[in-house]
Amino acid sequence: MTVIVINPNSTVSMTQAMLEQARRSAPGLRFEGWTSHDGPPAIQGAGDGKAAAAPLLKLVSKASDANADGIIIGCFDDTALEEAANLADCPVIGIGQAAYHYAALRNWRFSVVTTLSASVPVIEANIERQGMLPFAAKVRASGVPVLALEQEPTHAALAIKEEALLAQQGDDIDAVILGCAGMVQVVEMVRESLAIETIDPVACAAKCLKWMV
């Protein structure tokens, strides 16, 4: 069974980080990582998502034509998810979608810690559209740009951990969802700091595809 992880942005190192996490999380599947080289370097808000959609959908069509057994949209904004799902002949899921549904299946109330404030409205709209409002407390911006997760990982991790701790203290939640694909780099640091659950959306999506395909 082959699952294609498609990164809608053009940062190859982020694709590789997601691919490695997916392989660790669902070793029974064969994963490939594809990068949208015509997409923006990072997706931070609705404008970047719109710019990323067309080249992403081309890759979705290509993956479907290649008889992929499943496709993961590797952006927490679930970029062009509905269009991609309608286009492909196989299951297509977004990493944000997978994380929300995982929390809901565990009956966990969650907050999301994402990157910049520009991403907050997109994520909030996705949560509402996917019917997850009863489980959602708050979407928090850490102030960390997406590319800083790789360029300044220590500083980025500290800022994300601080915001996650604030969510734990103030949001009356059971779990924190890390709201960016690039946060695979900081999952363990955040997890070790919290008394509640830390949800990695890339791992959720990989495990979800394991039973879907």
N, C-alpha and C. Protein backbone atom coordinates (compact mmCIF):
# COMPACT_ATOMS: atom_id res chain seq x y z
N MET A 1 0.84 -1.19 0.00
CA MET A 1 0.00 0.00 0.00
C MET A 1 0.88 1.25 0.00
N THR A 2 0.64 2.15 -0.93
CA THR A 2 1.45 3.35 -1.06
C THR A 2 0.61 4.59 -0.75
N VAL A 3 1.09 5.39 0.18
CA VAL A 3 0.45 6.65 0.54
C VAL A 3 1.40 7.78 0.17
N ILE A 4 0.88 8.78 -0.53
CA ILE A 4 1.68 9.94 -0.94
C ILE A 4 1.41 11.09 0.03
N VAL A 5 2.46 11.58 0.65
CA VAL A 5 2.38 12.78 1.49
C VAL A 5 2.76 13.96 0.60
N ILE A 6 1.80 14.82 0.32
CA ILE A 6 2.06 15.97 -0.56
C ILE A 6 2.20 17.23 0.29
N ASN A 7 3.35 17.85 0.19
CA ASN A 7 3.61 19.12 0.86
C ASN A 7 3.20 20.25 -0.08
N PRO A 8 2.17 21.05 0.25
CA PRO A 8 1.74 22.11 -0.66
C PRO A 8 2.73 23.27 -0.76
N ASN A 9 3.71 23.34 0.15
CA ASN A 9 4.72 24.40 -0.01
C ASN A 9 5.98 23.82 -0.66
N SER A 10 6.90 24.69 -1.01
CA SER A 10 8.05 24.28 -1.82
C SER A 10 9.29 23.98 -1.00
N THR A 11 9.16 23.86 0.31
CA THR A 11 10.30 23.61 1.19
C THR A 11 10.53 22.11 1.32
N VAL A 12 11.55 21.63 0.62
CA VAL A 12 11.79 20.18 0.51
C VAL A 12 12.12 19.57 1.87
N SER A 13 12.86 20.29 2.70
CA SER A 13 13.23 19.74 4.00
C SER A 13 12.01 19.47 4.87
N MET A 14 10.95 20.26 4.70
CA MET A 14 9.73 20.03 5.46
C MET A 14 9.03 18.76 4.97
N THR A 15 9.07 18.55 3.67
CA THR A 15 8.53 17.30 3.12
C THR A 15 9.24 16.11 3.73
N GLN A 16 10.56 16.19 3.79
CA GLN A 16 11.34 15.08 4.32
C GLN A 16 11.04 14.83 5.79
N ALA A 17 10.87 15.89 6.57
CA ALA A 17 10.56 15.73 7.99
C ALA A 17 9.20 15.07 8.18
N MET A 18 8.22 15.47 7.37
CA MET A 18 6.90 14.83 7.45
C MET A 18 6.97 13.37 7.04
N LEU A 19 7.73 13.09 5.99
CA LEU A 19 7.85 11.72 5.50
C LEU A 19 8.45 10.81 6.56
N GLU A 20 9.49 11.28 7.21
CA GLU A 20 10.12 10.48 8.26
C GLU A 20 9.16 10.22 9.42
N GLN A 21 8.39 11.25 9.78
CA GLN A 21 7.42 11.09 10.88
C GLN A 21 6.31 10.11 10.49
N ALA A 22 5.84 10.20 9.27
CA ALA A 22 4.80 9.28 8.80
C ALA A 22 5.30 7.85 8.84
N ARG A 23 6.52 7.63 8.40
CA ARG A 23 7.07 6.27 8.39
C ARG A 23 7.25 5.73 9.80
N ARG A 24 7.63 6.59 10.73
CA ARG A 24 7.74 6.13 12.12
C ARG A 24 6.38 5.79 12.71
N SER A 25 5.37 6.54 12.31
CA SER A 25 4.05 6.43 12.93
C SER A 25 3.22 5.27 12.39
N ALA A 26 3.43 4.91 11.13
CA ALA A 26 2.64 3.84 10.50
C ALA A 26 3.56 2.96 9.67
N PRO A 27 4.40 2.16 10.33
CA PRO A 27 5.42 1.40 9.61
C PRO A 27 4.86 0.34 8.66
N GLY A 28 3.59 0.03 8.76
CA GLY A 28 3.01 -0.97 7.86
C GLY A 28 2.70 -0.44 6.48
N LEU A 29 2.84 0.86 6.27
CA LEU A 29 2.55 1.47 4.97
C LEU A 29 3.83 1.94 4.29
N ARG A 30 3.76 2.05 2.98
CA ARG A 30 4.86 2.63 2.20
C ARG A 30 4.49 4.09 1.90
N PHE A 31 5.30 5.01 2.38
CA PHE A 31 5.05 6.44 2.17
C PHE A 31 6.04 7.02 1.18
N GLU A 32 5.54 7.91 0.34
CA GLU A 32 6.39 8.74 -0.51
C GLU A 32 6.09 10.20 -0.18
N GLY A 33 7.11 11.05 -0.27
CA GLY A 33 6.92 12.47 -0.03
C GLY A 33 7.08 13.26 -1.31
N TRP A 34 6.07 14.04 -1.67
CA TRP A 34 6.12 14.88 -2.86
C TRP A 34 6.06 16.34 -2.43
N THR A 35 6.88 17.17 -3.06
CA THR A 35 6.93 18.60 -2.77
C THR A 35 6.32 19.39 -3.92
N SER A 36 5.48 20.34 -3.60
CA SER A 36 4.90 21.22 -4.61
C SER A 36 5.88 22.36 -4.90
N HIS A 37 6.75 22.15 -5.86
CA HIS A 37 7.81 23.12 -6.14
C HIS A 37 7.28 24.45 -6.68
N ASP A 38 6.05 24.45 -7.15
CA ASP A 38 5.45 25.70 -7.64
C ASP A 38 4.62 26.40 -6.56
N GLY A 39 4.60 25.84 -5.36
CA GLY A 39 3.88 26.47 -4.27
C GLY A 39 4.74 27.51 -3.57
N PRO A 40 4.18 28.27 -2.64
CA PRO A 40 4.96 29.23 -1.86
C PRO A 40 5.90 28.49 -0.90
N PRO A 41 6.97 29.13 -0.43
CA PRO A 41 7.89 28.47 0.50
C PRO A 41 7.24 28.04 1.80
N ALA A 42 6.22 28.77 2.22
CA ALA A 42 5.46 28.43 3.43
C ALA A 42 4.03 28.89 3.23
N ILE A 43 3.11 28.24 3.93
CA ILE A 43 1.70 28.63 3.85
C ILE A 43 1.32 29.25 5.18
N GLN A 44 1.10 30.55 5.15
CA GLN A 44 0.80 31.33 6.34
C GLN A 44 -0.38 32.25 6.03
N GLY A 45 -1.57 31.71 6.15
CA GLY A 45 -2.76 32.50 5.90
C GLY A 45 -3.43 32.17 4.58
N ALA A 46 -4.58 32.80 4.37
CA ALA A 46 -5.43 32.48 3.23
C ALA A 46 -4.77 32.77 1.89
N GLY A 47 -4.00 33.84 1.81
CA GLY A 47 -3.35 34.19 0.54
C GLY A 47 -2.39 33.12 0.08
N ASP A 48 -1.57 32.63 0.98
CA ASP A 48 -0.63 31.56 0.63
C ASP A 48 -1.38 30.29 0.26
N GLY A 49 -2.46 30.01 0.99
CA GLY A 49 -3.24 28.83 0.68
C GLY A 49 -3.84 28.88 -0.72
N LYS A 50 -4.31 30.05 -1.09
CA LYS A 50 -4.87 30.21 -2.44
C LYS A 50 -3.78 30.02 -3.49
N ALA A 51 -2.59 30.56 -3.24
CA ALA A 51 -1.49 30.41 -4.20
C ALA A 51 -1.03 28.97 -4.31
N ALA A 52 -1.18 28.21 -3.24
CA ALA A 52 -0.70 26.82 -3.22
C ALA A 52 -1.69 25.86 -3.86
N ALA A 53 -2.95 26.25 -4.00
CA ALA A 53 -4.00 25.29 -4.35
C ALA A 53 -3.81 24.65 -5.72
N ALA A 54 -3.61 25.46 -6.76
CA ALA A 54 -3.56 24.91 -8.12
C ALA A 54 -2.40 23.92 -8.31
N PRO A 55 -1.16 24.28 -7.93
CA PRO A 55 -0.08 23.29 -8.09
C PRO A 55 -0.27 22.06 -7.21
N LEU A 56 -0.88 22.24 -6.05
CA LEU A 56 -1.17 21.08 -5.20
C LEU A 56 -2.13 20.13 -5.89
N LEU A 57 -3.19 20.67 -6.47
CA LEU A 57 -4.19 19.82 -7.11
C LEU A 57 -3.62 19.08 -8.31
N LYS A 58 -2.65 19.66 -8.97
CA LYS A 58 -1.97 18.94 -10.06
C LYS A 58 -1.27 17.70 -9.52
N LEU A 59 -0.63 17.84 -8.37
CA LEU A 59 0.06 16.70 -7.77
C LEU A 59 -0.94 15.66 -7.27
N VAL A 60 -2.07 16.10 -6.74
CA VAL A 60 -3.11 15.17 -6.32
C VAL A 60 -3.59 14.34 -7.51
N SER A 61 -3.83 15.01 -8.63
CA SER A 61 -4.27 14.31 -9.83
C SER A 61 -3.20 13.32 -10.30
N LYS A 62 -1.95 13.73 -10.24
CA LYS A 62 -0.85 12.86 -10.64
C LYS A 62 -0.77 11.63 -9.73
N ALA A 63 -0.91 11.84 -8.42
CA ALA A 63 -0.86 10.73 -7.46
C ALA A 63 -2.02 9.77 -7.69
N SER A 64 -3.21 10.31 -7.98
CA SER A 64 -4.36 9.46 -8.24
C SER A 64 -4.15 8.65 -9.51
N ASP A 65 -3.62 9.29 -10.54
CA ASP A 65 -3.35 8.59 -11.81
C ASP A 65 -2.30 7.50 -11.64
N ALA A 66 -1.41 7.68 -10.65
CA ALA A 66 -0.37 6.69 -10.37
C ALA A 66 -0.88 5.58 -9.44
N ASN A 67 -2.18 5.58 -9.18
CA ASN A 67 -2.83 4.54 -8.36
C ASN A 67 -2.35 4.54 -6.91
N ALA A 68 -2.14 5.72 -6.36
CA ALA A 68 -1.84 5.82 -4.93
C ALA A 68 -3.02 5.24 -4.15
N ASP A 69 -2.71 4.60 -3.04
CA ASP A 69 -3.76 4.04 -2.19
C ASP A 69 -4.33 5.08 -1.22
N GLY A 70 -3.59 6.16 -1.01
CA GLY A 70 -4.05 7.23 -0.14
C GLY A 70 -3.17 8.45 -0.32
N ILE A 71 -3.72 9.61 0.00
CA ILE A 71 -2.99 10.88 -0.13
C ILE A 71 -3.17 11.67 1.15
N ILE A 72 -2.08 12.22 1.66
CA ILE A 72 -2.11 13.11 2.82
C ILE A 72 -1.74 14.52 2.35
N ILE A 73 -2.59 15.49 2.63
CA ILE A 73 -2.26 16.89 2.36
C ILE A 73 -1.46 17.40 3.56
N GLY A 74 -0.17 17.63 3.35
CA GLY A 74 0.75 17.93 4.44
C GLY A 74 0.81 19.40 4.79
N CYS A 75 -0.33 19.98 5.08
CA CYS A 75 -0.40 21.35 5.59
C CYS A 75 -1.54 21.41 6.59
N PHE A 76 -1.29 21.99 7.75
CA PHE A 76 -2.32 22.00 8.79
C PHE A 76 -3.54 22.81 8.38
N ASP A 77 -3.39 23.72 7.42
CA ASP A 77 -4.53 24.48 6.92
C ASP A 77 -5.46 23.63 6.06
N ASP A 78 -5.09 22.36 5.83
CA ASP A 78 -5.89 21.47 4.97
C ASP A 78 -6.15 22.13 3.62
N THR A 79 -5.09 22.61 3.02
CA THR A 79 -5.16 23.37 1.77
C THR A 79 -5.89 22.59 0.68
N ALA A 80 -6.92 23.20 0.11
CA ALA A 80 -7.68 22.65 -1.02
C ALA A 80 -8.14 21.22 -0.77
N LEU A 81 -8.44 20.90 0.49
CA LEU A 81 -8.76 19.52 0.85
C LEU A 81 -10.01 19.00 0.15
N GLU A 82 -11.08 19.80 0.17
CA GLU A 82 -12.32 19.32 -0.45
C GLU A 82 -12.13 19.08 -1.94
N GLU A 83 -11.45 20.00 -2.62
CA GLU A 83 -11.21 19.83 -4.05
C GLU A 83 -10.35 18.60 -4.32
N ALA A 84 -9.34 18.40 -3.48
CA ALA A 84 -8.46 17.24 -3.66
C ALA A 84 -9.21 15.93 -3.45
N ALA A 85 -10.06 15.89 -2.43
CA ALA A 85 -10.83 14.67 -2.17
C ALA A 85 -11.78 14.34 -3.30
N ASN A 86 -12.35 15.37 -3.93
CA ASN A 86 -13.24 15.15 -5.06
C ASN A 86 -12.50 14.75 -6.32
N LEU A 87 -11.23 15.11 -6.39
CA LEU A 87 -10.44 14.86 -7.59
C LEU A 87 -9.86 13.45 -7.63
N ALA A 88 -9.50 12.92 -6.48
CA ALA A 88 -8.76 11.65 -6.43
C ALA A 88 -9.70 10.45 -6.31
N ASP A 89 -9.20 9.31 -6.74
CA ASP A 89 -9.94 8.06 -6.63
C ASP A 89 -9.64 7.30 -5.35
N CYS A 90 -8.77 7.84 -4.51
CA CYS A 90 -8.37 7.19 -3.27
C CYS A 90 -8.69 8.12 -2.10
N PRO A 91 -8.62 7.64 -0.85
CA PRO A 91 -8.84 8.53 0.29
C PRO A 91 -7.83 9.67 0.33
N VAL A 92 -8.30 10.87 0.57
CA VAL A 92 -7.46 12.06 0.73
C VAL A 92 -7.82 12.69 2.06
N ILE A 93 -6.84 12.87 2.93
CA ILE A 93 -7.10 13.52 4.21
C ILE A 93 -6.08 14.63 4.45
N GLY A 94 -6.48 15.60 5.25
CA GLY A 94 -5.57 16.67 5.66
C GLY A 94 -5.05 16.38 7.06
N ILE A 95 -3.88 16.88 7.36
CA ILE A 95 -3.32 16.60 8.68
C ILE A 95 -4.10 17.33 9.78
N GLY A 96 -4.63 18.51 9.47
CA GLY A 96 -5.49 19.18 10.44
C GLY A 96 -6.75 18.38 10.68
N GLN A 97 -7.39 17.96 9.61
CA GLN A 97 -8.59 17.14 9.69
C GLN A 97 -8.36 15.90 10.54
N ALA A 98 -7.26 15.20 10.31
CA ALA A 98 -6.96 13.98 11.05
C ALA A 98 -6.79 14.26 12.54
N ALA A 99 -6.13 15.37 12.87
CA ALA A 99 -5.89 15.70 14.28
C ALA A 99 -7.19 16.04 15.01
N TYR A 100 -8.07 16.82 14.35
CA TYR A 100 -9.34 17.18 14.99
C TYR A 100 -10.17 15.92 15.26
N HIS A 101 -10.25 15.05 14.26
CA HIS A 101 -11.08 13.87 14.41
C HIS A 101 -10.49 12.88 15.42
N TYR A 102 -9.19 12.82 15.49
CA TYR A 102 -8.57 11.97 16.51
C TYR A 102 -8.95 12.45 17.90
N ALA A 103 -8.85 13.75 18.12
CA ALA A 103 -9.23 14.31 19.43
C ALA A 103 -10.69 14.03 19.72
N ALA A 104 -11.54 14.20 18.72
CA ALA A 104 -12.98 13.98 18.93
C ALA A 104 -13.27 12.51 19.25
N LEU A 105 -12.58 11.60 18.58
CA LEU A 105 -12.78 10.17 18.85
C LEU A 105 -12.36 9.80 20.27
N ARG A 106 -11.41 10.53 20.81
CA ARG A 106 -11.00 10.30 22.20
C ARG A 106 -11.85 11.11 23.19
N ASN A 107 -12.79 11.89 22.66
CA ASN A 107 -13.63 12.77 23.48
C ASN A 107 -12.79 13.79 24.23
N TRP A 108 -11.77 14.31 23.57
CA TRP A 108 -10.88 15.30 24.15
C TRP A 108 -11.25 16.69 23.64
N ARG A 109 -11.35 17.63 24.55
CA ARG A 109 -11.46 19.05 24.19
C ARG A 109 -10.05 19.55 23.94
N PHE A 110 -9.87 20.30 22.84
CA PHE A 110 -8.52 20.67 22.43
C PHE A 110 -8.39 22.16 22.12
N SER A 111 -7.15 22.64 22.23
CA SER A 111 -6.74 23.90 21.63
C SER A 111 -5.67 23.62 20.60
N VAL A 112 -5.56 24.51 19.64
CA VAL A 112 -4.53 24.41 18.60
C VAL A 112 -3.48 25.49 18.87
N VAL A 113 -2.20 25.10 18.81
CA VAL A 113 -1.11 26.07 18.83
C VAL A 113 -0.50 26.08 17.44
N THR A 114 -0.65 27.19 16.74
CA THR A 114 -0.15 27.29 15.37
C THR A 114 1.01 28.27 15.29
N THR A 115 1.29 28.75 14.10
CA THR A 115 2.46 29.60 13.86
C THR A 115 2.08 31.07 14.01
N LEU A 116 1.71 31.73 12.94
CA LEU A 116 1.39 33.16 12.97
C LEU A 116 -0.11 33.40 13.05
N SER A 117 -0.48 34.60 13.47
CA SER A 117 -1.90 34.94 13.64
C SER A 117 -2.66 34.90 12.30
N ALA A 118 -1.94 35.03 11.18
CA ALA A 118 -2.60 34.97 9.87
C ALA A 118 -3.24 33.62 9.61
N SER A 119 -2.74 32.59 10.27
CA SER A 119 -3.29 31.25 10.08
C SER A 119 -4.52 30.98 10.93
N VAL A 120 -4.75 31.78 11.95
CA VAL A 120 -5.83 31.50 12.90
C VAL A 120 -7.21 31.48 12.24
N PRO A 121 -7.58 32.49 11.42
CA PRO A 121 -8.92 32.45 10.81
C PRO A 121 -9.14 31.24 9.91
N VAL A 122 -8.11 30.83 9.20
CA VAL A 122 -8.22 29.66 8.32
C VAL A 122 -8.50 28.41 9.14
N ILE A 123 -7.76 28.23 10.21
CA ILE A 123 -7.92 27.05 11.06
C ILE A 123 -9.28 27.07 11.75
N GLU A 124 -9.68 28.23 12.25
CA GLU A 124 -10.99 28.32 12.90
C GLU A 124 -12.12 27.96 11.92
N ALA A 125 -12.01 28.42 10.68
CA ALA A 125 -13.03 28.10 9.67
C ALA A 125 -13.04 26.61 9.38
N ASN A 126 -11.88 25.99 9.32
CA ASN A 126 -11.81 24.54 9.07
C ASN A 126 -12.46 23.76 10.20
N ILE A 127 -12.17 24.16 11.44
CA ILE A 127 -12.76 23.48 12.59
C ILE A 127 -14.28 23.55 12.53
N GLU A 128 -14.81 24.73 12.20
CA GLU A 128 -16.26 24.88 12.11
C GLU A 128 -16.83 24.06 10.95
N ARG A 129 -16.19 24.13 9.79
CA ARG A 129 -16.71 23.42 8.62
C ARG A 129 -16.70 21.91 8.82
N GLN A 130 -15.72 21.42 9.56
CA GLN A 130 -15.61 19.98 9.78
C GLN A 130 -16.43 19.50 10.99
N GLY A 131 -17.19 20.39 11.59
CA GLY A 131 -18.09 20.00 12.68
C GLY A 131 -17.39 19.75 14.00
N MET A 132 -16.23 20.35 14.20
CA MET A 132 -15.44 20.08 15.39
C MET A 132 -15.56 21.14 16.48
N LEU A 133 -16.45 22.12 16.29
CA LEU A 133 -16.58 23.19 17.28
C LEU A 133 -16.90 22.69 18.70
N PRO A 134 -17.69 21.63 18.87
CA PRO A 134 -17.96 21.18 20.24
C PRO A 134 -16.72 20.72 21.00
N PHE A 135 -15.66 20.39 20.27
CA PHE A 135 -14.44 19.89 20.91
C PHE A 135 -13.33 20.95 20.99
N ALA A 136 -13.53 22.08 20.35
CA ALA A 136 -12.47 23.07 20.21
C ALA A 136 -12.61 24.18 21.23
N ALA A 137 -11.50 24.52 21.87
CA ALA A 137 -11.48 25.62 22.82
C ALA A 137 -10.97 26.90 22.16
N LYS A 138 -9.73 26.85 21.66
CA LYS A 138 -9.11 28.07 21.15
C LYS A 138 -8.03 27.72 20.14
N VAL A 139 -7.84 28.62 19.17
CA VAL A 139 -6.70 28.52 18.24
C VAL A 139 -5.74 29.63 18.62
N ARG A 140 -4.54 29.24 19.00
CA ARG A 140 -3.54 30.18 19.51
C ARG A 140 -2.38 30.30 18.52
N ALA A 141 -1.90 31.53 18.33
CA ALA A 141 -0.72 31.77 17.50
C ALA A 141 0.51 31.89 18.40
N SER A 142 1.55 31.16 18.06
CA SER A 142 2.80 31.20 18.84
C SER A 142 3.71 32.35 18.42
N GLY A 143 3.41 32.95 17.26
CA GLY A 143 4.28 34.01 16.73
C GLY A 143 5.51 33.50 16.02
N VAL A 144 5.57 32.20 15.77
CA VAL A 144 6.73 31.59 15.10
C VAL A 144 6.43 31.41 13.61
N PRO A 145 7.18 32.05 12.71
CA PRO A 145 6.99 31.81 11.28
C PRO A 145 7.30 30.35 10.93
N VAL A 146 6.65 29.84 9.91
CA VAL A 146 6.81 28.44 9.53
C VAL A 146 8.28 28.09 9.29
N LEU A 147 8.98 28.90 8.52
CA LEU A 147 10.35 28.56 8.16
C LEU A 147 11.30 28.66 9.35
N ALA A 148 10.91 29.40 10.39
CA ALA A 148 11.75 29.48 11.60
C ALA A 148 11.81 28.15 12.33
N LEU A 149 10.84 27.27 12.07
CA LEU A 149 10.86 25.96 12.69
C LEU A 149 12.10 25.16 12.28
N GLU A 150 12.62 25.47 11.10
CA GLU A 150 13.84 24.81 10.64
C GLU A 150 15.07 25.70 10.81
N GLN A 151 14.88 27.00 10.63
CA GLN A 151 16.02 27.91 10.67
C GLN A 151 16.45 28.26 12.10
N GLU A 152 15.49 28.32 13.00
CA GLU A 152 15.77 28.63 14.41
C GLU A 152 15.01 27.66 15.31
N PRO A 153 15.29 26.37 15.23
CA PRO A 153 14.45 25.37 15.91
C PRO A 153 14.39 25.52 17.42
N THR A 154 15.49 25.90 18.07
CA THR A 154 15.48 26.01 19.53
C THR A 154 14.58 27.15 19.98
N HIS A 155 14.74 28.31 19.36
CA HIS A 155 13.90 29.46 19.69
C HIS A 155 12.43 29.17 19.38
N ALA A 156 12.19 28.54 18.24
CA ALA A 156 10.82 28.22 17.84
C ALA A 156 10.18 27.26 18.84
N ALA A 157 10.93 26.25 19.24
CA ALA A 157 10.40 25.26 20.17
C ALA A 157 10.02 25.89 21.50
N LEU A 158 10.83 26.81 21.98
CA LEU A 158 10.54 27.47 23.25
C LEU A 158 9.26 28.30 23.17
N ALA A 159 9.08 29.01 22.06
CA ALA A 159 7.88 29.84 21.90
C ALA A 159 6.63 28.98 21.79
N ILE A 160 6.73 27.87 21.09
CA ILE A 160 5.58 26.97 20.94
C ILE A 160 5.26 26.32 22.28
N LYS A 161 6.29 25.90 22.99
CA LYS A 161 6.08 25.29 24.30
C LYS A 161 5.42 26.28 25.25
N GLU A 162 5.84 27.53 25.22
CA GLU A 162 5.26 28.55 26.10
C GLU A 162 3.78 28.74 25.81
N GLU A 163 3.43 28.78 24.53
CA GLU A 163 2.01 28.96 24.16
C GLU A 163 1.20 27.72 24.53
N ALA A 164 1.79 26.55 24.38
CA ALA A 164 1.11 25.31 24.76
C ALA A 164 0.85 25.26 26.26
N LEU A 165 1.80 25.73 27.04
CA LEU A 165 1.62 25.78 28.49
C LEU A 165 0.50 26.76 28.87
N LEU A 166 0.42 27.88 28.17
CA LEU A 166 -0.67 28.82 28.42
C LEU A 166 -2.02 28.18 28.09
N ALA A 167 -2.06 27.40 27.01
CA ALA A 167 -3.29 26.70 26.66
C ALA A 167 -3.67 25.69 27.73
N GLN A 168 -2.70 24.96 28.21
CA GLN A 168 -2.95 23.98 29.27
C GLN A 168 -3.51 24.66 30.53
N GLN A 169 -2.95 25.81 30.86
CA GLN A 169 -3.34 26.51 32.08
C GLN A 169 -4.69 27.20 31.97
N GLY A 170 -5.01 27.71 30.78
CA GLY A 170 -6.17 28.60 30.69
C GLY A 170 -7.34 28.16 29.85
N ASP A 171 -7.22 27.05 29.10
CA ASP A 171 -8.27 26.74 28.12
C ASP A 171 -9.22 25.62 28.53
N ASP A 172 -8.98 24.99 29.68
CA ASP A 172 -9.84 23.88 30.13
C ASP A 172 -9.92 22.79 29.06
N ILE A 173 -8.77 22.23 28.75
CA ILE A 173 -8.66 21.27 27.64
C ILE A 173 -8.01 19.97 28.09
N ASP A 174 -8.15 18.97 27.23
CA ASP A 174 -7.51 17.67 27.44
C ASP A 174 -6.27 17.48 26.57
N ALA A 175 -6.16 18.29 25.50
CA ALA A 175 -5.08 18.08 24.54
C ALA A 175 -4.73 19.38 23.83
N VAL A 176 -3.47 19.46 23.41
CA VAL A 176 -2.99 20.54 22.54
C VAL A 176 -2.64 19.91 21.20
N ILE A 177 -3.19 20.48 20.13
CA ILE A 177 -2.83 20.06 18.78
C ILE A 177 -1.79 21.02 18.24
N LEU A 178 -0.69 20.50 17.74
CA LEU A 178 0.35 21.32 17.13
C LEU A 178 -0.06 21.66 15.71
N GLY A 179 -0.29 22.94 15.45
CA GLY A 179 -0.97 23.36 14.23
C GLY A 179 -0.08 23.76 13.09
N CYS A 180 0.91 22.94 12.77
CA CYS A 180 1.75 23.19 11.60
C CYS A 180 2.51 21.90 11.30
N ALA A 181 2.60 21.55 10.01
CA ALA A 181 3.34 20.35 9.63
C ALA A 181 4.80 20.43 10.07
N GLY A 182 5.37 21.62 10.02
CA GLY A 182 6.77 21.79 10.40
C GLY A 182 7.03 21.58 11.88
N MET A 183 5.98 21.48 12.69
CA MET A 183 6.18 21.28 14.12
C MET A 183 6.53 19.85 14.48
N VAL A 184 6.65 18.97 13.47
CA VAL A 184 7.17 17.62 13.77
C VAL A 184 8.53 17.71 14.45
N GLN A 185 9.23 18.82 14.24
CA GLN A 185 10.55 19.00 14.83
C GLN A 185 10.50 19.23 16.34
N VAL A 186 9.35 19.66 16.85
CA VAL A 186 9.28 20.07 18.26
C VAL A 186 8.28 19.25 19.08
N VAL A 187 7.73 18.21 18.50
CA VAL A 187 6.68 17.44 19.17
C VAL A 187 7.12 16.95 20.54
N GLU A 188 8.29 16.31 20.60
CA GLU A 188 8.70 15.69 21.85
C GLU A 188 9.00 16.72 22.93
N MET A 189 9.58 17.86 22.54
CA MET A 189 9.87 18.90 23.52
C MET A 189 8.58 19.42 24.15
N VAL A 190 7.56 19.62 23.33
CA VAL A 190 6.28 20.09 23.86
C VAL A 190 5.64 19.00 24.71
N ARG A 191 5.64 17.79 24.21
CA ARG A 191 5.01 16.67 24.93
C ARG A 191 5.61 16.49 26.32
N GLU A 192 6.91 16.61 26.43
CA GLU A 192 7.57 16.44 27.72
C GLU A 192 7.23 17.56 28.70
N SER A 193 6.75 18.68 28.19
CA SER A 193 6.48 19.84 29.04
C SER A 193 5.04 19.90 29.55
N LEU A 194 4.14 19.13 28.96
CA LEU A 194 2.72 19.24 29.27
C LEU A 194 2.24 18.06 30.11
N ALA A 195 1.24 18.34 30.93
CA ALA A 195 0.58 17.29 31.69
C ALA A 195 -0.62 16.73 30.92
N ILE A 196 -1.02 17.40 29.85
CA ILE A 196 -2.11 16.92 29.00
C ILE A 196 -1.53 16.36 27.71
N GLU A 197 -2.39 15.87 26.84
CA GLU A 197 -1.93 15.22 25.61
C GLU A 197 -1.42 16.24 24.59
N THR A 198 -0.40 15.82 23.85
CA THR A 198 0.11 16.59 22.71
C THR A 198 -0.18 15.80 21.45
N ILE A 199 -0.88 16.40 20.51
CA ILE A 199 -1.28 15.71 19.28
C ILE A 199 -0.46 16.20 18.11
N ASP A 200 0.24 15.28 17.46
CA ASP A 200 1.02 15.56 16.26
C ASP A 200 0.16 15.24 15.05
N PRO A 201 -0.22 16.22 14.24
CA PRO A 201 -1.14 15.96 13.13
C PRO A 201 -0.58 15.06 12.04
N VAL A 202 0.73 15.09 11.84
CA VAL A 202 1.33 14.22 10.81
C VAL A 202 1.20 12.76 11.23
N ALA A 203 1.51 12.48 12.48
CA ALA A 203 1.36 11.11 12.99
C ALA A 203 -0.10 10.67 12.93
N CYS A 204 -1.03 11.56 13.27
CA CYS A 204 -2.45 11.22 13.20
C CYS A 204 -2.86 10.84 11.78
N ALA A 205 -2.44 11.64 10.82
CA ALA A 205 -2.82 11.37 9.44
C ALA A 205 -2.24 10.04 8.95
N ALA A 206 -0.99 9.77 9.29
CA ALA A 206 -0.36 8.51 8.87
C ALA A 206 -1.10 7.31 9.44
N LYS A 207 -1.44 7.38 10.74
CA LYS A 207 -2.14 6.27 11.38
C LYS A 207 -3.56 6.13 10.83
N CYS A 208 -4.18 7.24 10.52
CA CYS A 208 -5.52 7.22 9.95
C CYS A 208 -5.52 6.51 8.60
N LEU A 209 -4.55 6.80 7.77
CA LEU A 209 -4.47 6.15 6.46
C LEU A 209 -4.20 4.66 6.60
N LYS A 210 -3.56 4.28 7.69
CA LYS A 210 -3.27 2.85 7.89
C LYS A 210 -4.55 2.03 7.91
N TRP A 211 -5.58 2.53 8.57
CA TRP A 211 -6.84 1.77 8.57
C TRP A 211 -7.74 2.12 7.41
N MET A 212 -7.59 3.31 6.82
CA MET A 212 -8.45 3.67 5.70
C MET A 212 -8.12 2.91 4.42
N VAL A 213 -6.85 2.54 4.25
CA VAL A 213 -6.46 1.86 3.01
C VAL A 213 -6.28 0.36 3.23
